[in-house]
N, C-alpha and C. Protein backbone atom coordinates (compact mmCIF):
# COMPACT_ATOMS: atom_id res chain seq x y z
N UNK A 1 -35.40 71.56 110.37
CA UNK A 1 -35.97 70.77 111.28
C UNK A 1 -33.72 71.01 112.93
N UNK A 2 -33.74 69.91 113.70
CA UNK A 2 -33.11 70.06 114.52
C UNK A 2 -32.04 69.37 114.65
N UNK A 3 -30.94 69.68 115.46
CA UNK A 3 -29.26 68.46 115.06
C UNK A 3 -29.79 67.31 116.97
N UNK A 4 -30.03 66.27 116.50
CA UNK A 4 -29.39 65.28 117.38
C UNK A 4 -28.15 64.90 117.70
N UNK A 5 -27.89 65.48 118.43
CA UNK A 5 -26.18 65.10 119.62
C UNK A 5 -25.95 63.87 120.10
N UNK A 6 -26.59 62.82 119.65
CA UNK A 6 -26.57 62.34 120.44
C UNK A 6 -26.24 60.46 119.34
N UNK A 7 -26.46 59.32 119.89
CA UNK A 7 -26.64 57.92 119.32
C UNK A 7 -27.20 57.28 119.15
N UNK A 8 -28.38 57.12 117.50
CA UNK A 8 -30.11 56.42 117.53
C UNK A 8 -29.68 55.41 117.93
N UNK A 9 -29.90 54.55 119.16
CA UNK A 9 -30.10 53.45 119.36
C UNK A 9 -31.94 52.68 118.71
N UNK A 10 -32.97 52.70 118.21
CA UNK A 10 -33.73 52.84 118.37
C UNK A 10 -34.61 53.61 116.69
N UNK A 11 -34.84 53.44 115.81
CA UNK A 11 -35.73 54.32 115.26
C UNK A 11 -37.07 52.92 114.45
N UNK A 12 -38.03 54.11 114.85
CA UNK A 12 -39.08 53.36 114.07
C UNK A 12 -40.25 54.24 113.72
N UNK A 13 -40.34 53.88 112.76
CA UNK A 13 -41.67 55.09 112.62
C UNK A 13 -43.10 54.22 112.66
N UNK A 14 -43.66 55.21 112.48
CA UNK A 14 -45.03 55.11 112.98
C UNK A 14 -46.28 56.31 112.81
N UNK A 15 -47.36 55.45 111.62
CA UNK A 15 -47.92 56.72 110.67
C UNK A 15 -47.19 57.82 110.03
N UNK A 16 -47.65 58.81 110.14
CA UNK A 16 -46.40 59.95 109.69
C UNK A 16 -45.97 60.91 111.06
N UNK A 17 -45.57 59.98 111.66
CA UNK A 17 -44.84 60.41 113.21
C UNK A 17 -43.45 60.04 112.87
N UNK A 18 -42.65 60.47 113.09
CA UNK A 18 -41.30 59.82 112.84
C UNK A 18 -40.73 59.32 114.32
N UNK A 19 -41.18 58.50 114.88
CA UNK A 19 -40.60 58.26 116.64
C UNK A 19 -39.00 57.17 116.31
N UNK A 20 -38.62 58.78 117.29
CA UNK A 20 -36.96 57.58 117.45
C UNK A 20 -36.47 57.99 119.09
N UNK A 21 -35.88 56.65 119.58
CA UNK A 21 -35.94 57.07 120.44
C UNK A 21 -34.27 56.71 120.48
N UNK A 22 -33.30 57.63 121.76
CA UNK A 22 -31.60 57.96 121.77
C UNK A 22 -31.18 57.06 123.14
N UNK A 23 -30.49 57.13 123.62
CA UNK A 23 -30.04 56.74 124.64
C UNK A 23 -30.92 57.53 125.48
N UNK A 24 -31.85 56.77 126.44
CA UNK A 24 -32.42 57.33 127.59
C UNK A 24 -33.60 58.92 127.20
N UNK A 25 -33.61 59.43 125.91
CA UNK A 25 -34.45 60.13 125.26
C UNK A 25 -34.37 59.81 123.53
N UNK A 26 -35.92 60.53 123.98
CA UNK A 26 -37.48 59.91 123.27
C UNK A 26 -37.75 61.76 122.32
N UNK A 27 -37.86 61.36 121.04
CA UNK A 27 -37.95 62.60 120.13
C UNK A 27 -38.97 62.75 119.33
N UNK A 28 -40.07 63.31 119.68
CA UNK A 28 -40.36 62.70 118.42
C UNK A 28 -41.06 64.02 117.28
N UNK A 29 -40.98 64.45 115.97
CA UNK A 29 -41.09 65.34 115.39
C UNK A 29 -42.18 65.12 114.57
N UNK A 30 -42.81 65.61 114.43
CA UNK A 30 -44.60 65.19 112.69
C UNK A 30 -44.02 65.66 112.03
N UNK A 31 -43.68 64.92 110.83
CA UNK A 31 -43.66 65.61 109.42
C UNK A 31 -41.77 65.81 108.74
N UNK A 32 -41.44 64.69 110.30
CA UNK A 32 -39.40 64.80 110.23
C UNK A 32 -39.01 63.87 108.81
N UNK A 33 -37.56 64.47 108.81
CA UNK A 33 -37.13 63.36 108.42
C UNK A 33 -35.63 62.90 108.68
N UNK A 34 -35.91 61.65 109.36
CA UNK A 34 -34.59 60.70 110.27
C UNK A 34 -33.75 61.11 109.34
N UNK A 35 -33.27 60.95 107.49
CA UNK A 35 -32.31 60.66 106.55
C UNK A 35 -31.02 62.29 107.54
N UNK A 36 -32.22 63.04 107.22
CA UNK A 36 -31.64 64.40 107.45
C UNK A 36 -31.16 64.69 108.92
N UNK A 37 -31.44 64.25 110.49
CA UNK A 37 -31.31 64.22 111.11
C UNK A 37 -30.46 63.81 111.39
N UNK A 38 -29.80 62.62 110.85
CA UNK A 38 -29.20 61.25 111.29
C UNK A 38 -27.62 61.61 110.47
N UNK A 39 -27.54 62.41 109.36
CA UNK A 39 -27.13 63.38 108.30
C UNK A 39 -26.17 64.53 109.08
N UNK A 40 -27.22 65.44 109.88
CA UNK A 40 -27.03 66.98 110.23
C UNK A 40 -25.83 66.61 111.83
N UNK A 41 -25.23 67.28 111.62
CA UNK A 41 -23.58 67.09 112.23
C UNK A 41 -24.21 68.43 113.91
């Protein structure tokens, strides 16, 4: 997993993909765990 050093604005789950929208940046990773991404410093 990778670390996200940005503030989450909108989190949407689409099927098997975790769609994370950030401030002007969008990350998409298959089978990723959003909780781990948020808790990761």
